[in-house]
C-alpha atoms as a PDB file:
ATOM      1  CA  MET A   1      -0.079  -0.040  -0.105  1.00  0.00           C
ATOM      2  CA  ASP A   2       1.377   3.417  -0.755  1.00  0.00           C
ATOM      3  CA  VAL A   3       0.435   6.937   0.316  1.00  0.00           C
ATOM      4  CA  THR A   4       1.085  10.020  -1.542  1.00  0.00           C
ATOM      5  CA  VAL A   5       3.154  12.982  -0.457  1.00  0.00           C
ATOM      6  CA  ASP A   6       0.136  15.142  -0.477  1.00  0.00           C
ATOM      7  CA  GLU A   7      -1.880  12.611   1.799  1.00  0.00           C
ATOM      8  CA  LEU A   8       0.924  12.532   4.189  1.00  0.00           C
ATOM      9  CA  ALA A   9       0.902  16.292   4.322  1.00  0.00           C
ATOM     10  CA  ARG A  10      -2.824  16.230   4.951  1.00  0.00           C
ATOM     11  CA  ARG A  11      -2.355  13.651   7.796  1.00  0.00           C
ATOM     12  CA  PHE A  12       0.387  15.745   9.399  1.00  0.00           C
ATOM     13  CA  GLU A  13      -1.755  18.720   9.314  1.00  0.00           C
ATOM     14  CA  GLN A  14      -4.572  16.943  10.876  1.00  0.00           C
ATOM     15  CA  GLY A  15      -2.254  15.773  13.935  1.00  0.00           C
ATOM     16  CA  GLU A  16      -2.723  11.981  13.120  1.00  0.00           C
ATOM     17  CA  ALA A  17      -0.453   9.792  15.444  1.00  0.00           C
ATOM     18  CA  LEU A  18       2.211   8.046  12.888  1.00  0.00           C
ATOM     19  CA  VAL A  19       5.477   6.498  12.694  1.00  0.00           C
ATOM     20  CA  LEU A  20       7.661   8.089  10.094  1.00  0.00           C
ATOM     21  CA  LEU A  21      10.407   5.381   9.269  1.00  0.00           C
ATOM     22  CA  ASP A  22      13.192   6.770   7.578  1.00  0.00           C
ATOM     23  CA  VAL A  23      15.215   3.726   5.702  1.00  0.00           C
ATOM     24  CA  ARG A  24      17.821   5.754   4.022  1.00  0.00           C
ATOM     25  CA  GLN A  25      21.511   5.583   4.890  1.00  0.00           C
ATOM     26  CA  PRO A  26      22.965   7.817   8.006  1.00  0.00           C
ATOM     27  CA  ASN A  27      24.596  10.287   5.428  1.00  0.00           C
ATOM     28  CA  GLU A  28      21.291  10.737   3.449  1.00  0.00           C
ATOM     29  CA  ARG A  29      19.673  11.237   6.690  1.00  0.00           C
ATOM     30  CA  ASP A  30      22.271  13.819   7.847  1.00  0.00           C
ATOM     31  CA  PHE A  31      21.868  15.835   4.497  1.00  0.00           C
ATOM     32  CA  CYS A  32      18.005  15.971   4.946  1.00  0.00           C
ATOM     33  CA  LYS A  33      14.842  14.605   6.274  1.00  0.00           C
ATOM     34  CA  ILE A  34      11.036  15.158   6.652  1.00  0.00           C
ATOM     35  CA  SER A  35      10.235  17.282   9.393  1.00  0.00           C
ATOM     36  CA  ALA A  36       7.583  15.683  11.423  1.00  0.00           C
ATOM     37  CA  PRO A  37       5.020  17.338  13.741  1.00  0.00           C
ATOM     38  CA  SER A  38       4.982  16.431  17.414  1.00  0.00           C
ATOM     39  CA  SER A  39       2.230  13.765  16.649  1.00  0.00           C
ATOM     40  CA  VAL A  40       4.783  11.804  14.825  1.00  0.00           C
ATOM     41  CA  THR A  41       7.419   9.413  16.078  1.00  0.00           C
ATOM     42  CA  ASP A  42      10.330   9.825  13.755  1.00  0.00           C
ATOM     43  CA  VAL A  43      12.385   6.600  13.535  1.00  0.00           C
ATOM     44  CA  HIS A  44      15.609   6.179  11.376  1.00  0.00           C
ATOM     45  CA  ILE A  45      16.774   2.661  10.590  1.00  0.00           C
ATOM     46  CA  PRO A  46      18.655   2.111   7.615  1.00  0.00           C
ATOM     47  CA  MET A  47      17.134  -0.659   5.239  1.00  0.00           C
ATOM     48  CA  GLY A  48      19.962  -3.133   5.632  1.00  0.00           C
ATOM     49  CA  ASP A  49      19.491  -2.868   9.750  1.00  0.00           C
ATOM     50  CA  VAL A  50      15.566  -3.521   9.505  1.00  0.00           C
ATOM     51  CA  PRO A  51      15.597  -7.227   9.712  1.00  0.00           C
ATOM     52  CA  GLU A  52      17.759  -7.107  12.856  1.00  0.00           C
ATOM     53  CA  LEU A  53      15.982  -4.209  14.445  1.00  0.00           C
ATOM     54  CA  TRP A  54      12.426  -4.772  13.087  1.00  0.00           C
ATOM     55  CA  GLY A  55      11.056  -5.560  16.696  1.00  0.00           C
ATOM     56  CA  GLU A  56      12.046  -1.845  17.506  1.00  0.00           C
ATOM     57  CA  VAL A  57       9.880  -0.733  14.462  1.00  0.00           C
ATOM     58  CA  GLN A  58       7.223  -2.813  15.848  1.00  0.00           C
ATOM     59  CA  SER A  59       7.359  -1.575  19.362  1.00  0.00           C
ATOM     60  CA  SER A  60       7.352   2.090  18.201  1.00  0.00           C
ATOM     61  CA  ALA A  61       4.185   1.476  16.180  1.00  0.00           C
ATOM     62  CA  GLU A  62       2.140   0.812  19.272  1.00  0.00           C
ATOM     63  CA  SER A  63      -0.906   0.150  16.598  1.00  0.00           C
ATOM     64  CA  ARG A  64      -0.286   3.376  14.958  1.00  0.00           C
ATOM     65  CA  PRO A  65       0.346   3.598  11.169  1.00  0.00           C
ATOM     66  CA  ILE A  66       3.945   3.316   9.835  1.00  0.00           C
ATOM     67  CA  ILE A  67       4.885   5.476   6.837  1.00  0.00           C
ATOM     68  CA  VAL A  68       8.369   4.114   5.458  1.00  0.00           C
ATOM     69  CA  TYR A  69      10.299   6.425   3.210  1.00  0.00           C
ATOM     70  CA  CYS A  70      13.521   6.735   1.363  1.00  0.00           C
ATOM     71  CA  HIS A  71      14.791   8.826  -1.330  1.00  0.00           C
ATOM     72  CA  HIS A  72      12.518   7.748  -4.250  1.00  0.00           C
ATOM     73  CA  GLY A  73      10.280   5.341  -2.712  1.00  0.00           C
ATOM     74  CA  VAL A  74      12.211   2.006  -3.886  1.00  0.00           C
ATOM     75  CA  ARG A  75      13.956   0.888  -0.651  1.00  0.00           C
ATOM     76  CA  SER A  76      10.648   1.885   1.242  1.00  0.00           C
ATOM     77  CA  ARG A  77       8.694  -0.293  -1.024  1.00  0.00           C
ATOM     78  CA  ILE A  78      10.930  -3.201  -0.332  1.00  0.00           C
ATOM     79  CA  VAL A  79      10.842  -2.684   3.617  1.00  0.00           C
ATOM     80  CA  THR A  80       7.174  -2.125   3.633  1.00  0.00           C
ATOM     81  CA  GLU A  81       6.522  -5.440   1.876  1.00  0.00           C
ATOM     82  CA  TRP A  82       9.200  -7.119   4.236  1.00  0.00           C
ATOM     83  CA  LEU A  83       7.433  -5.735   7.489  1.00  0.00           C
ATOM     84  CA  GLN A  84       3.970  -6.906   6.055  1.00  0.00           C
ATOM     85  CA  SER A  85       5.598 -10.377   5.450  1.00  0.00           C
ATOM     86  CA  GLN A  86       6.458 -10.491   9.018  1.00  0.00           C
ATOM     87  CA  GLY A  87       2.844  -9.917  10.063  1.00  0.00           C
ATOM     88  CA  MET A  88       2.888  -5.987  10.567  1.00  0.00           C
ATOM     89  CA  ALA A  89      -0.503  -4.768   9.144  1.00  0.00           C
ATOM     90  CA  ASN A  90      -0.673  -1.116   8.945  1.00  0.00           C
ATOM     91  CA  VAL A  91       2.949  -0.301   7.024  1.00  0.00           C
ATOM     92  CA  ILE A  92       2.707   2.162   4.072  1.00  0.00           C
ATOM     93  CA  ASN A  93       5.169   3.065   1.545  1.00  0.00           C
ATOM     94  CA  LEU A  94       5.504   6.889   0.926  1.00  0.00           C
ATOM     95  CA  ALA A  95       5.515   7.014  -2.988  1.00  0.00           C
ATOM     96  CA  GLY A  96       8.186   9.249  -4.453  1.00  0.00           C
ATOM     97  CA  GLY A  97       9.862   9.307  -1.184  1.00  0.00           C
ATOM     98  CA  ILE A  98      11.598  12.635   0.184  1.00  0.00           C
ATOM     99  CA  ASP A  99      12.563  13.605  -3.428  1.00  0.00           C
ATOM    100  CA  LEU A 100       8.994  13.998  -4.159  1.00  0.00           C
ATOM    101  CA  TRP A 101       8.210  15.552  -0.734  1.00  0.00           C
ATOM    102  CA  SER A 102      10.709  18.206  -1.351  1.00  0.00           C
ATOM    103  CA  LYS A 103       9.237  18.920  -4.880  1.00  0.00           C
ATOM    104  CA  ARG A 104       5.692  19.079  -4.043  1.00  0.00           C
ATOM    105  CA  ILE A 105       5.348  19.782  -0.182  1.00  0.00           C
ATOM    106  CA  ASP A 106       8.365  21.344   1.374  1.00  0.00           C
ATOM    107  CA  PRO A 107      11.065  22.765  -0.900  1.00  0.00           C
ATOM    108  CA  SER A 108      13.139  23.802   2.105  1.00  0.00           C
ATOM    109  CA  VAL A 109      14.265  19.995   2.080  1.00  0.00           C
ATOM    110  CA  PRO A 110      17.370  19.793  -0.095  1.00  0.00           C
ATOM    111  CA  LEU A 111      17.287  17.724  -3.355  1.00  0.00           C
ATOM    112  CA  TYR A 112      19.956  15.114  -3.810  1.00  0.00           C
END
């Protein structure tokens, strides 16, 4: 399942309790990230570490939807599908990733 950047922005504005899971590499995260409102738990676990740390993802969710993002949406789709295969139900891929977020929602987020 995917969510658009427009839908995510709307959910942010409505104050929905979410988990935002960034699966990019640390250097990408250091360069830029999606600024989440206080209603959102911001988690960073690089894609390669997700299998080892998926329990951390599960415990941070506490029945809240998890929105997974990366640069363009490819890695996040893979992680979303893997988490779903582990039995996690409410995991959603951010279509277009942070790149589309920057272009459509928040141009202050640098492109790379």
